[in-house]
Amino acid sequence: LYYKVGNGDWTKNNDTVNTSYTVKGLRSGVKYSFCVRCVNSAGTTV
């Protein structure tokens, strides 16, 4: 899972085997964008 603020760079948040995830530590009142991609089980290859 990745997120970014505005036109900033994508920041890696976390890897998960599930199809949902809660991103924490965000600032209230700020607009965030999120995207997801598949990686291998070791997390070394997209």
ModelCIF file with pLDDT and N, C-alpha, C, O atoms, coordinates in Angstrom:
data_MODEL
#
_entry.id   MODEL 
#
_entity.id                         1 
_entity.type                       polymer 
_entity.pdbx_number_of_molecules   1 
#
_entity_poly.entity_id                      1 
_entity_poly.type                           'polypeptide(L)' 
_entity_poly.nstd_linkage                   no 
_entity_poly.nstd_monomer                   no 
_entity_poly.pdbx_seq_one_letter_code       LYYKVGNGDWTKNNDTVNTSYTVKGLRSGVKYSFCVRCVNSAGTTV 
_entity_poly.pdbx_seq_one_letter_code_can   LYYKVGNGDWTKNNDTVNTSYTVKGLRSGVKYSFCVRCVNSAGTTV 
_entity_poly.pdbx_strand_id                 A 
#
loop_
_entity_poly_seq.entity_id 
_entity_poly_seq.num 
_entity_poly_seq.mon_id 
_entity_poly_seq.hetero 
1 1  LEU n 
1 2  TYR n 
1 3  TYR n 
1 4  LYS n 
1 5  VAL n 
1 6  GLY n 
1 7  ASN n 
1 8  GLY n 
1 9  ASP n 
1 10 TRP n 
1 11 THR n 
1 12 LYS n 
1 13 ASN n 
1 14 ASN n 
1 15 ASP n 
1 16 THR n 
1 17 VAL n 
1 18 ASN n 
1 19 THR n 
1 20 SER n 
1 21 TYR n 
1 22 THR n 
1 23 VAL n 
1 24 LYS n 
1 25 GLY n 
1 26 LEU n 
1 27 ARG n 
1 28 SER n 
1 29 GLY n 
1 30 VAL n 
1 31 LYS n 
1 32 TYR n 
1 33 SER n 
1 34 PHE n 
1 35 CYS n 
1 36 VAL n 
1 37 ARG n 
1 38 CYS n 
1 39 VAL n 
1 40 ASN n 
1 41 SER n 
1 42 ALA n 
1 43 GLY n 
1 44 THR n 
1 45 THR n 
1 46 VAL n 
#
_struct_asym.id          A 
_struct_asym.entity_id   1 
#
loop_
_ma_qa_metric.id 
_ma_qa_metric.mode 
_ma_qa_metric.name 
_ma_qa_metric.software_group_id 
_ma_qa_metric.type 
1 global pLDDT . pLDDT 
2 local  pLDDT . pLDDT 
#
_ma_qa_metric_global.metric_id      1 
_ma_qa_metric_global.metric_value   95.17 
_ma_qa_metric_global.model_id       1 
_ma_qa_metric_global.ordinal_id     1 
#
loop_
_ma_qa_metric_local.label_asym_id 
_ma_qa_metric_local.label_comp_id 
_ma_qa_metric_local.label_seq_id 
_ma_qa_metric_local.metric_id 
_ma_qa_metric_local.metric_value 
_ma_qa_metric_local.model_id 
_ma_qa_metric_local.ordinal_id 
A LEU 1  2 97.00 1 1  
A TYR 2  2 97.00 1 2  
A TYR 3  2 97.00 1 3  
A LYS 4  2 97.00 1 4  
A VAL 5  2 96.00 1 5  
A GLY 6  2 89.00 1 6  
A ASN 7  2 89.00 1 7  
A GLY 8  2 93.00 1 8  
A ASP 9  2 95.00 1 9  
A TRP 10 2 96.00 1 10 
A THR 11 2 95.00 1 11 
A LYS 12 2 96.00 1 12 
A ASN 13 2 95.00 1 13 
A ASN 14 2 95.00 1 14 
A ASP 15 2 97.00 1 15 
A THR 16 2 98.00 1 16 
A VAL 17 2 97.00 1 17 
A ASN 18 2 98.00 1 18 
A THR 19 2 98.00 1 19 
A SER 20 2 98.00 1 20 
A TYR 21 2 97.00 1 21 
A THR 22 2 97.00 1 22 
A VAL 23 2 97.00 1 23 
A LYS 24 2 95.00 1 24 
A GLY 25 2 95.00 1 25 
A LEU 26 2 96.00 1 26 
A ARG 27 2 96.00 1 27 
A SER 28 2 97.00 1 28 
A GLY 29 2 96.00 1 29 
A VAL 30 2 96.00 1 30 
A LYS 31 2 96.00 1 31 
A TYR 32 2 97.00 1 32 
A SER 33 2 98.00 1 33 
A PHE 34 2 98.00 1 34 
A CYS 35 2 98.00 1 35 
A VAL 36 2 98.00 1 36 
A ARG 37 2 96.00 1 37 
A CYS 38 2 95.00 1 38 
A VAL 39 2 94.00 1 39 
A ASN 40 2 91.00 1 40 
A SER 41 2 92.00 1 41 
A ALA 42 2 93.00 1 42 
A GLY 43 2 92.00 1 43 
A THR 44 2 90.00 1 44 
A THR 45 2 86.00 1 45 
A VAL 46 2 89.00 1 46 
#
loop_
_atom_site.group_PDB 
_atom_site.id 
_atom_site.type_symbol 
_atom_site.label_atom_id 
_atom_site.label_alt_id 
_atom_site.label_comp_id 
_atom_site.label_asym_id 
_atom_site.label_entity_id 
_atom_site.label_seq_id 
_atom_site.pdbx_PDB_ins_code 
_atom_site.Cartn_x 
_atom_site.Cartn_y 
_atom_site.Cartn_z 
_atom_site.occupancy 
_atom_site.B_iso_or_equiv 
_atom_site.pdbx_formal_charge 
_atom_site.auth_seq_id 
_atom_site.auth_comp_id 
_atom_site.auth_asym_id 
_atom_site.auth_atom_id 
_atom_site.pdbx_PDB_model_num 
ATOM 1   N N  . LEU A 1 1  ? 0.830  -1.196  0.000  1.00 97.00 ? 1  LEU A N  1 
ATOM 2   C CA . LEU A 1 1  ? 0.000  0.000   0.000  1.00 97.00 ? 1  LEU A CA 1 
ATOM 3   C C  . LEU A 1 1  ? 0.869  1.251   0.000  1.00 97.00 ? 1  LEU A C  1 
ATOM 4   O O  . LEU A 1 1  ? 1.873  1.322   0.708  1.00 97.00 ? 1  LEU A O  1 
ATOM 5   N N  . TYR A 1 2  ? 0.469  2.246   -0.809 1.00 97.00 ? 2  TYR A N  1 
ATOM 6   C CA . TYR A 1 2  ? 1.170  3.522   -0.893 1.00 97.00 ? 2  TYR A CA 1 
ATOM 7   C C  . TYR A 1 2  ? 0.175  4.663   -0.640 1.00 97.00 ? 2  TYR A C  1 
ATOM 8   O O  . TYR A 1 2  ? -1.028 4.513   -0.850 1.00 97.00 ? 2  TYR A O  1 
ATOM 9   N N  . TYR A 1 3  ? 0.708  5.808   -0.183 1.00 97.00 ? 3  TYR A N  1 
ATOM 10  C CA . TYR A 1 3  ? -0.135 6.995   -0.058 1.00 97.00 ? 3  TYR A CA 1 
ATOM 11  C C  . TYR A 1 3  ? 0.692  8.233   -0.409 1.00 97.00 ? 3  TYR A C  1 
ATOM 12  O O  . TYR A 1 3  ? 1.922  8.201   -0.391 1.00 97.00 ? 3  TYR A O  1 
ATOM 13  N N  . LYS A 1 4  ? -0.004 9.317   -0.724 1.00 97.00 ? 4  LYS A N  1 
ATOM 14  C CA . LYS A 1 4  ? 0.671  10.591  -0.969 1.00 97.00 ? 4  LYS A CA 1 
ATOM 15  C C  . LYS A 1 4  ? -0.280 11.722  -0.644 1.00 97.00 ? 4  LYS A C  1 
ATOM 16  O O  . LYS A 1 4  ? -1.498 11.546  -0.607 1.00 97.00 ? 4  LYS A O  1 
ATOM 17  N N  . VAL A 1 5  ? 0.305  12.896  -0.406 1.00 96.00 ? 5  VAL A N  1 
ATOM 18  C CA . VAL A 1 5  ? -0.462 14.111  -0.149 1.00 96.00 ? 5  VAL A CA 1 
ATOM 19  C C  . VAL A 1 5  ? -0.338 15.013  -1.361 1.00 96.00 ? 5  VAL A C  1 
ATOM 20  O O  . VAL A 1 5  ? 0.772  15.335  -1.784 1.00 96.00 ? 5  VAL A O  1 
ATOM 21  N N  . GLY A 1 6  ? -1.467 15.425  -1.925 1.00 89.00 ? 6  GLY A N  1 
ATOM 22  C CA . GLY A 1 6  ? -1.448 16.317  -3.087 1.00 89.00 ? 6  GLY A CA 1 
ATOM 23  C C  . GLY A 1 6  ? -0.679 15.723  -4.249 1.00 89.00 ? 6  GLY A C  1 
ATOM 24  O O  . GLY A 1 6  ? -0.920 14.583  -4.645 1.00 89.00 ? 6  GLY A O  1 
ATOM 25  N N  . ASN A 1 7  ? 0.250  16.499  -4.795 1.00 89.00 ? 7  ASN A N  1 
ATOM 26  C CA . ASN A 1 7  ? 1.074  16.047  -5.924 1.00 89.00 ? 7  ASN A CA 1 
ATOM 27  C C  . ASN A 1 7  ? 2.435  15.529  -5.467 1.00 89.00 ? 7  ASN A C  1 
ATOM 28  O O  . ASN A 1 7  ? 3.377  15.452  -6.256 1.00 89.00 ? 7  ASN A O  1 
ATOM 29  N N  . GLY A 1 8  ? 2.527  15.171  -4.174 1.00 93.00 ? 8  GLY A N  1 
ATOM 30  C CA . GLY A 1 8  ? 3.794  14.667  -3.652 1.00 93.00 ? 8  GLY A CA 1 
ATOM 31  C C  . GLY A 1 8  ? 4.123  13.279  -4.155 1.00 93.00 ? 8  GLY A C  1 
ATOM 32  O O  . GLY A 1 8  ? 3.381  12.701  -4.949 1.00 93.00 ? 8  GLY A O  1 
ATOM 33  N N  . ASP A 1 9  ? 5.230  12.751  -3.693 1.00 95.00 ? 9  ASP A N  1 
ATOM 34  C CA . ASP A 1 9  ? 5.668  11.419  -4.096 1.00 95.00 ? 9  ASP A CA 1 
ATOM 35  C C  . ASP A 1 9  ? 4.892  10.343  -3.348 1.00 95.00 ? 9  ASP A C  1 
ATOM 36  O O  . ASP A 1 9  ? 4.401  10.561  -2.240 1.00 95.00 ? 9  ASP A O  1 
ATOM 37  N N  . TRP A 1 10 ? 4.793  9.182   -3.977 1.00 96.00 ? 10 TRP A N  1 
ATOM 38  C CA . TRP A 1 10 ? 4.165  8.042   -3.322 1.00 96.00 ? 10 TRP A CA 1 
ATOM 39  C C  . TRP A 1 10 ? 5.083  7.534   -2.216 1.00 96.00 ? 10 TRP A C  1 
ATOM 40  O O  . TRP A 1 10 ? 6.288  7.381   -2.416 1.00 96.00 ? 10 TRP A O  1 
ATOM 41  N N  . THR A 1 11 ? 4.504  7.275   -1.054 1.00 95.00 ? 11 THR A N  1 
ATOM 42  C CA . THR A 1 11 ? 5.237  6.755   0.093  1.00 95.00 ? 11 THR A CA 1 
ATOM 43  C C  . THR A 1 11 ? 4.740  5.362   0.431  1.00 95.00 ? 11 THR A C  1 
ATOM 44  O O  . THR A 1 11 ? 3.540  5.147   0.602  1.00 95.00 ? 11 THR A O  1 
ATOM 45  N N  . LYS A 1 12 ? 5.670  4.413   0.526  1.00 96.00 ? 12 LYS A N  1 
ATOM 46  C CA . LYS A 1 12 ? 5.286  3.060   0.914  1.00 96.00 ? 12 LYS A CA 1 
ATOM 47  C C  . LYS A 1 12 ? 4.761  3.081   2.344  1.00 96.00 ? 12 LYS A C  1 
ATOM 48  O O  . LYS A 1 12 ? 5.379  3.668   3.232  1.00 96.00 ? 12 LYS A O  1 
ATOM 49  N N  . ASN A 1 13 ? 3.597  2.427   2.564  1.00 95.00 ? 13 ASN A N  1 
ATOM 50  C CA . ASN A 1 13 ? 3.051  2.359   3.915  1.00 95.00 ? 13 ASN A CA 1 
ATOM 51  C C  . ASN A 1 13 ? 3.279  1.001   4.554  1.00 95.00 ? 13 ASN A C  1 
ATOM 52  O O  . ASN A 1 13 ? 3.887  0.908   5.620  1.00 95.00 ? 13 ASN A O  1 
ATOM 53  N N  . ASN A 1 14 ? 2.790  -0.065  3.904  1.00 95.00 ? 14 ASN A N  1 
ATOM 54  C CA . ASN A 1 14 ? 2.939  -1.379  4.516  1.00 95.00 ? 14 ASN A CA 1 
ATOM 55  C C  . ASN A 1 14 ? 2.617  -2.466  3.501  1.00 95.00 ? 14 ASN A C  1 
ATOM 56  O O  . ASN A 1 14 ? 1.978  -2.210  2.480  1.00 95.00 ? 14 ASN A O  1 
ATOM 57  N N  . ASP A 1 15 ? 3.070  -3.692  3.796  1.00 97.00 ? 15 ASP A N  1 
ATOM 58  C CA . ASP A 1 15 ? 2.726  -4.878  3.004  1.00 97.00 ? 15 ASP A CA 1 
ATOM 59  C C  . ASP A 1 15 ? 1.756  -5.725  3.816  1.00 97.00 ? 15 ASP A C  1 
ATOM 60  O O  . ASP A 1 15 ? 1.856  -5.791  5.041  1.00 97.00 ? 15 ASP A O  1 
ATOM 61  N N  . THR A 1 16 ? 0.815  -6.375  3.130  1.00 98.00 ? 16 THR A N  1 
ATOM 62  C CA . THR A 1 16 ? -0.163 -7.209  3.818  1.00 98.00 ? 16 THR A CA 1 
ATOM 63  C C  . THR A 1 16 ? -0.617 -8.338  2.906  1.00 98.00 ? 16 THR A C  1 
ATOM 64  O O  . THR A 1 16 ? -0.588 -8.203  1.683  1.00 98.00 ? 16 THR A O  1 
ATOM 65  N N  . VAL A 1 17 ? -1.035 -9.449  3.496  1.00 97.00 ? 17 VAL A N  1 
ATOM 66  C CA . VAL A 1 17 ? -1.600 -10.559 2.721  1.00 97.00 ? 17 VAL A CA 1 
ATOM 67  C C  . VAL A 1 17 ? -3.097 -10.398 2.592  1.00 97.00 ? 17 VAL A C  1 
ATOM 68  O O  . VAL A 1 17 ? -3.733 -11.150 1.853  1.00 97.00 ? 17 VAL A O  1 
ATOM 69  N N  . ASN A 1 18 ? -3.682 -9.432  3.295  1.00 98.00 ? 18 ASN A N  1 
ATOM 70  C CA . ASN A 1 18 ? -5.128 -9.213  3.255  1.00 98.00 ? 18 ASN A CA 1 
ATOM 71  C C  . ASN A 1 18 ? -5.497 -8.266  2.120  1.00 98.00 ? 18 ASN A C  1 
ATOM 72  O O  . ASN A 1 18 ? -4.625 -7.701  1.461  1.00 98.00 ? 18 ASN A O  1 
ATOM 73  N N  . THR A 1 19 ? -6.788 -8.101  1.902  1.00 98.00 ? 19 THR A N  1 
ATOM 74  C CA . THR A 1 19 ? -7.270 -7.188  0.857  1.00 98.00 ? 19 THR A CA 1 
ATOM 75  C C  . THR A 1 19 ? -7.867 -5.920  1.473  1.00 98.00 ? 19 THR A C  1 
ATOM 76  O O  . THR A 1 19 ? -8.697 -5.250  0.858  1.00 98.00 ? 19 THR A O  1 
ATOM 77  N N  . SER A 1 20 ? -7.437 -5.604  2.681  1.00 98.00 ? 20 SER A N  1 
ATOM 78  C CA . SER A 1 20 ? -7.798 -4.332  3.304  1.00 98.00 ? 20 SER A CA 1 
ATOM 79  C C  . SER A 1 20 ? -6.719 -3.974  4.312  1.00 98.00 ? 20 SER A C  1 
ATOM 80  O O  . SER A 1 20 ? -6.032 -4.842  4.850  1.00 98.00 ? 20 SER A O  1 
ATOM 81  N N  . TYR A 1 21 ? -6.587 -2.683  4.555  1.00 97.00 ? 21 TYR A N  1 
ATOM 82  C CA . TYR A 1 21 ? -5.573 -2.227  5.504  1.00 97.00 ? 21 TYR A CA 1 
ATOM 83  C C  . TYR A 1 21 ? -5.939 -0.828  5.978  1.00 97.00 ? 21 TYR A C  1 
ATOM 84  O O  . TYR A 1 21 ? -6.422 -0.004  5.201  1.00 97.00 ? 21 TYR A O  1 
ATOM 85  N N  . THR A 1 22 ? -5.702 -0.566  7.267  1.00 97.00 ? 22 THR A N  1 
ATOM 86  C CA . THR A 1 22 ? -5.961 0.758   7.828  1.00 97.00 ? 22 THR A CA 1 
ATOM 87  C C  . THR A 1 22 ? -4.648 1.514   7.979  1.00 97.00 ? 22 THR A C  1 
ATOM 88  O O  . THR A 1 22 ? -3.754 1.097   8.716  1.00 97.00 ? 22 THR A O  1 
ATOM 89  N N  . VAL A 1 23 ? -4.549 2.631   7.271  1.00 97.00 ? 23 VAL A N  1 
ATOM 90  C CA . VAL A 1 23 ? -3.362 3.481   7.336  1.00 97.00 ? 23 VAL A CA 1 
ATOM 91  C C  . VAL A 1 23 ? -3.529 4.429   8.519  1.00 97.00 ? 23 VAL A C  1 
ATOM 92  O O  . VAL A 1 23 ? -4.499 5.183   8.588  1.00 97.00 ? 23 VAL A O  1 
ATOM 93  N N  . LYS A 1 24 ? -2.575 4.387   9.447  1.00 95.00 ? 24 LYS A N  1 
ATOM 94  C CA . LYS A 1 24 ? -2.657 5.198   10.656 1.00 95.00 ? 24 LYS A CA 1 
ATOM 95  C C  . LYS A 1 24 ? -1.641 6.335   10.614 1.00 95.00 ? 24 LYS A C  1 
ATOM 96  O O  . LYS A 1 24 ? -0.820 6.420   9.701  1.00 95.00 ? 24 LYS A O  1 
ATOM 97  N N  . GLY A 1 25 ? -1.711 7.196   11.610 1.00 95.00 ? 25 GLY A N  1 
ATOM 98  C CA . GLY A 1 25 ? -0.747 8.299   11.717 1.00 95.00 ? 25 GLY A CA 1 
ATOM 99  C C  . GLY A 1 25 ? -1.004 9.421   10.733 1.00 95.00 ? 25 GLY A C  1 
ATOM 100 O O  . GLY A 1 25 ? -0.084 10.174  10.414 1.00 95.00 ? 25 GLY A O  1 
ATOM 101 N N  . LEU A 1 26 ? -2.237 9.558   10.239 1.00 96.00 ? 26 LEU A N  1 
ATOM 102 C CA . LEU A 1 26 ? -2.569 10.608  9.273  1.00 96.00 ? 26 LEU A CA 1 
ATOM 103 C C  . LEU A 1 26 ? -3.001 11.886  9.995  1.00 96.00 ? 26 LEU A C  1 
ATOM 104 O O  . LEU A 1 26 ? -3.339 11.857  11.178 1.00 96.00 ? 26 LEU A O  1 
ATOM 105 N N  . ARG A 1 27 ? -2.987 13.000  9.273  1.00 96.00 ? 27 ARG A N  1 
ATOM 106 C CA . ARG A 1 27 ? -3.377 14.286  9.837  1.00 96.00 ? 27 ARG A CA 1 
ATOM 107 C C  . ARG A 1 27 ? -4.817 14.604  9.452  1.00 96.00 ? 27 ARG A C  1 
ATOM 108 O O  . ARG A 1 27 ? -5.183 14.578  8.277  1.00 96.00 ? 27 ARG A O  1 
ATOM 109 N N  . SER A 1 28 ? -5.616 14.902  10.458 1.00 97.00 ? 28 SER A N  1 
ATOM 110 C CA . SER A 1 28 ? -7.021 15.211  10.204 1.00 97.00 ? 28 SER A CA 1 
ATOM 111 C C  . SER A 1 28 ? -7.154 16.478  9.375  1.00 97.00 ? 28 SER A C  1 
ATOM 112 O O  . SER A 1 28 ? -6.427 17.448  9.586  1.00 97.00 ? 28 SER A O  1 
ATOM 113 N N  . GLY A 1 29 ? -8.100 16.464  8.419  1.00 96.00 ? 29 GLY A N  1 
ATOM 114 C CA . GLY A 1 29 ? -8.338 17.608  7.548  1.00 96.00 ? 29 GLY A CA 1 
ATOM 115 C C  . GLY A 1 29 ? -7.484 17.630  6.306  1.00 96.00 ? 29 GLY A C  1 
ATOM 116 O O  . GLY A 1 29 ? -7.604 18.550  5.496  1.00 96.00 ? 29 GLY A O  1 
ATOM 117 N N  . VAL A 1 30 ? -6.608 16.629  6.126  1.00 96.00 ? 30 VAL A N  1 
ATOM 118 C CA . VAL A 1 30 ? -5.706 16.564  4.969  1.00 96.00 ? 30 VAL A CA 1 
ATOM 119 C C  . VAL A 1 30 ? -6.226 15.536  3.963  1.00 96.00 ? 30 VAL A C  1 
ATOM 120 O O  . VAL A 1 30 ? -6.688 14.461  4.346  1.00 96.00 ? 30 VAL A O  1 
ATOM 121 N N  . LYS A 1 31 ? -6.147 15.873  2.683  1.00 96.00 ? 31 LYS A N  1 
ATOM 122 C CA . LYS A 1 31 ? -6.585 14.961  1.625  1.00 96.00 ? 31 LYS A CA 1 
ATOM 123 C C  . LYS A 1 31 ? -5.430 14.048  1.223  1.00 96.00 ? 31 LYS A C  1 
ATOM 124 O O  . LYS A 1 31 ? -4.340 14.520  0.901  1.00 96.00 ? 31 LYS A O  1 
ATOM 125 N N  . TYR A 1 32 ? -5.675 12.751  1.243  1.00 97.00 ? 32 TYR A N  1 
ATOM 126 C CA . TYR A 1 32 ? -4.673 11.748  0.888  1.00 97.00 ? 32 TYR A CA 1 
ATOM 127 C C  . TYR A 1 32 ? -5.151 10.941  -0.322 1.00 97.00 ? 32 TYR A C  1 
ATOM 128 O O  . TYR A 1 32 ? -6.348 10.745  -0.529 1.00 97.00 ? 32 TYR A O  1 
ATOM 129 N N  . SER A 1 33 ? -4.176 10.480  -1.113 1.00 98.00 ? 33 SER A N  1 
ATOM 130 C CA . SER A 1 33 ? -4.450 9.536   -2.204 1.00 98.00 ? 33 SER A CA 1 
ATOM 131 C C  . SER A 1 33 ? -3.767 8.217   -1.873 1.00 98.00 ? 33 SER A C  1 
ATOM 132 O O  . SER A 1 33 ? -2.693 8.197   -1.273 1.00 98.00 ? 33 SER A O  1 
ATOM 133 N N  . PHE A 1 34 ? -4.399 7.114   -2.270 1.00 98.00 ? 34 PHE A N  1 
ATOM 134 C CA . PHE A 1 34 ? -3.891 5.783   -1.964 1.00 98.00 ? 34 PHE A CA 1 
ATOM 135 C C  . PHE A 1 34 ? -3.863 4.933   -3.230 1.00 98.00 ? 34 PHE A C  1 
ATOM 136 O O  . PHE A 1 34 ? -4.693 5.100   -4.123 1.00 98.00 ? 34 PHE A O  1 
ATOM 137 N N  . CYS A 1 35 ? -2.888 4.010   -3.295 1.00 98.00 ? 35 CYS A N  1 
ATOM 138 C CA . CYS A 1 35 ? -2.853 3.024   -4.365 1.00 98.00 ? 35 CYS A CA 1 
ATOM 139 C C  . CYS A 1 35 ? -2.247 1.732   -3.826 1.00 98.00 ? 35 CYS A C  1 
ATOM 140 O O  . CYS A 1 35 ? -1.619 1.721   -2.768 1.00 98.00 ? 35 CYS A O  1 
ATOM 141 N N  . VAL A 1 36 ? -2.443 0.648   -4.565 1.00 98.00 ? 36 VAL A N  1 
ATOM 142 C CA . VAL A 1 36 ? -1.997 -0.678  -4.137 1.00 98.00 ? 36 VAL A CA 1 
ATOM 143 C C  . VAL A 1 36 ? -1.348 -1.382  -5.322 1.00 98.00 ? 36 VAL A C  1 
ATOM 144 O O  . VAL A 1 36 ? -1.755 -1.181  -6.466 1.00 98.00 ? 36 VAL A O  1 
ATOM 145 N N  . ARG A 1 37 ? -0.337 -2.209  -5.050 1.00 96.00 ? 37 ARG A N  1 
ATOM 146 C CA . ARG A 1 37 ? 0.213  -3.075  -6.095 1.00 96.00 ? 37 ARG A CA 1 
ATOM 147 C C  . ARG A 1 37 ? 0.604  -4.407  -5.474 1.00 96.00 ? 37 ARG A C  1 
ATOM 148 O O  . ARG A 1 37 ? 0.750  -4.510  -4.256 1.00 96.00 ? 37 ARG A O  1 
ATOM 149 N N  . CYS A 1 38 ? 0.771  -5.409  -6.295 1.00 95.00 ? 38 CYS A N  1 
ATOM 150 C CA . CYS A 1 38 ? 1.139  -6.738  -5.825 1.00 95.00 ? 38 CYS A CA 1 
ATOM 151 C C  . CYS A 1 38 ? 2.658  -6.852  -5.708 1.00 95.00 ? 38 CYS A C  1 
ATOM 152 O O  . CYS A 1 38 ? 3.397  -6.310  -6.529 1.00 95.00 ? 38 CYS A O  1 
ATOM 153 N N  . VAL A 1 39 ? 3.111  -7.563  -4.678 1.00 94.00 ? 39 VAL A N  1 
ATOM 154 C CA . VAL A 1 39 ? 4.529  -7.861  -4.514 1.00 94.00 ? 39 VAL A CA 1 
ATOM 155 C C  . VAL A 1 39 ? 4.666  -9.340  -4.198 1.00 94.00 ? 39 VAL A C  1 
ATOM 156 O O  . VAL A 1 39 ? 3.685  -10.007 -3.869 1.00 94.00 ? 39 VAL A O  1 
ATOM 157 N N  . ASN A 1 40 ? 5.887  -9.850  -4.301 1.00 91.00 ? 40 ASN A N  1 
ATOM 158 C CA . ASN A 1 40 ? 6.095  -11.258 -3.966 1.00 91.00 ? 40 ASN A CA 1 
ATOM 159 C C  . ASN A 1 40 ? 6.064  -11.440 -2.454 1.00 91.00 ? 40 ASN A C  1 
ATOM 160 O O  . ASN A 1 40 ? 6.059  -10.460 -1.710 1.00 91.00 ? 40 ASN A O  1 
ATOM 161 N N  . SER A 1 41 ? 6.044  -12.681 -2.000 1.00 92.00 ? 41 SER A N  1 
ATOM 162 C CA . SER A 1 41 ? 5.861  -12.967 -0.578 1.00 92.00 ? 41 SER A CA 1 
ATOM 163 C C  . SER A 1 41 ? 6.966  -12.374 0.290  1.00 92.00 ? 41 SER A C  1 
ATOM 164 O O  . SER A 1 41 ? 6.732  -12.032 1.450  1.00 92.00 ? 41 SER A O  1 
ATOM 165 N N  . ALA A 1 42 ? 8.185  -12.251 -0.277 1.00 93.00 ? 42 ALA A N  1 
ATOM 166 C CA . ALA A 1 42 ? 9.295  -11.679 0.483  1.00 93.00 ? 42 ALA A CA 1 
ATOM 167 C C  . ALA A 1 42 ? 9.278  -10.152 0.470  1.00 93.00 ? 42 ALA A C  1 
ATOM 168 O O  . ALA A 1 42 ? 10.016 -9.510  1.217  1.00 93.00 ? 42 ALA A O  1 
ATOM 169 N N  . GLY A 1 43 ? 8.435  -9.579  -0.380 1.00 92.00 ? 43 GLY A N  1 
ATOM 170 C CA . GLY A 1 43 ? 8.370  -8.128  -0.479 1.00 92.00 ? 43 GLY A CA 1 
ATOM 171 C C  . GLY A 1 43 ? 9.530  -7.519  -1.228 1.00 92.00 ? 43 GLY A C  1 
ATOM 172 O O  . GLY A 1 43 ? 9.754  -6.311  -1.139 1.00 92.00 ? 43 GLY A O  1 
ATOM 173 N N  . THR A 1 44 ? 10.282 -8.332  -1.974 1.00 90.00 ? 44 THR A N  1 
ATOM 174 C CA . THR A 1 44 ? 11.473 -7.833  -2.668 1.00 90.00 ? 44 THR A CA 1 
ATOM 175 C C  . THR A 1 44 ? 11.218 -7.494  -4.131 1.00 90.00 ? 44 THR A C  1 
ATOM 176 O O  . THR A 1 44 ? 12.021 -6.797  -4.750 1.00 90.00 ? 44 THR A O  1 
ATOM 177 N N  . THR A 1 45 ? 10.107 -7.977  -4.695 1.00 86.00 ? 45 THR A N  1 
ATOM 178 C CA . THR A 1 45 ? 9.837  -7.768  -6.113 1.00 86.00 ? 45 THR A CA 1 
ATOM 179 C C  . THR A 1 45 ? 8.406  -7.317  -6.329 1.00 86.00 ? 45 THR A C  1 
ATOM 180 O O  . THR A 1 45 ? 7.468  -7.947  -5.842 1.00 86.00 ? 45 THR A O  1 
ATOM 181 N N  . VAL A 1 46 ? 8.240  -6.222  -7.062 1.00 89.00 ? 46 VAL A N  1 
ATOM 182 C CA . VAL A 1 46 ? 6.907  -5.736  -7.430 1.00 89.00 ? 46 VAL A CA 1 
ATOM 183 C C  . VAL A 1 46 ? 6.441  -6.515  -8.651 1.00 89.00 ? 46 VAL A C  1 
ATOM 184 O O  . VAL A 1 46 ? 5.339  -6.282  -9.148 1.00 89.00 ? 46 VAL A O  1 
#
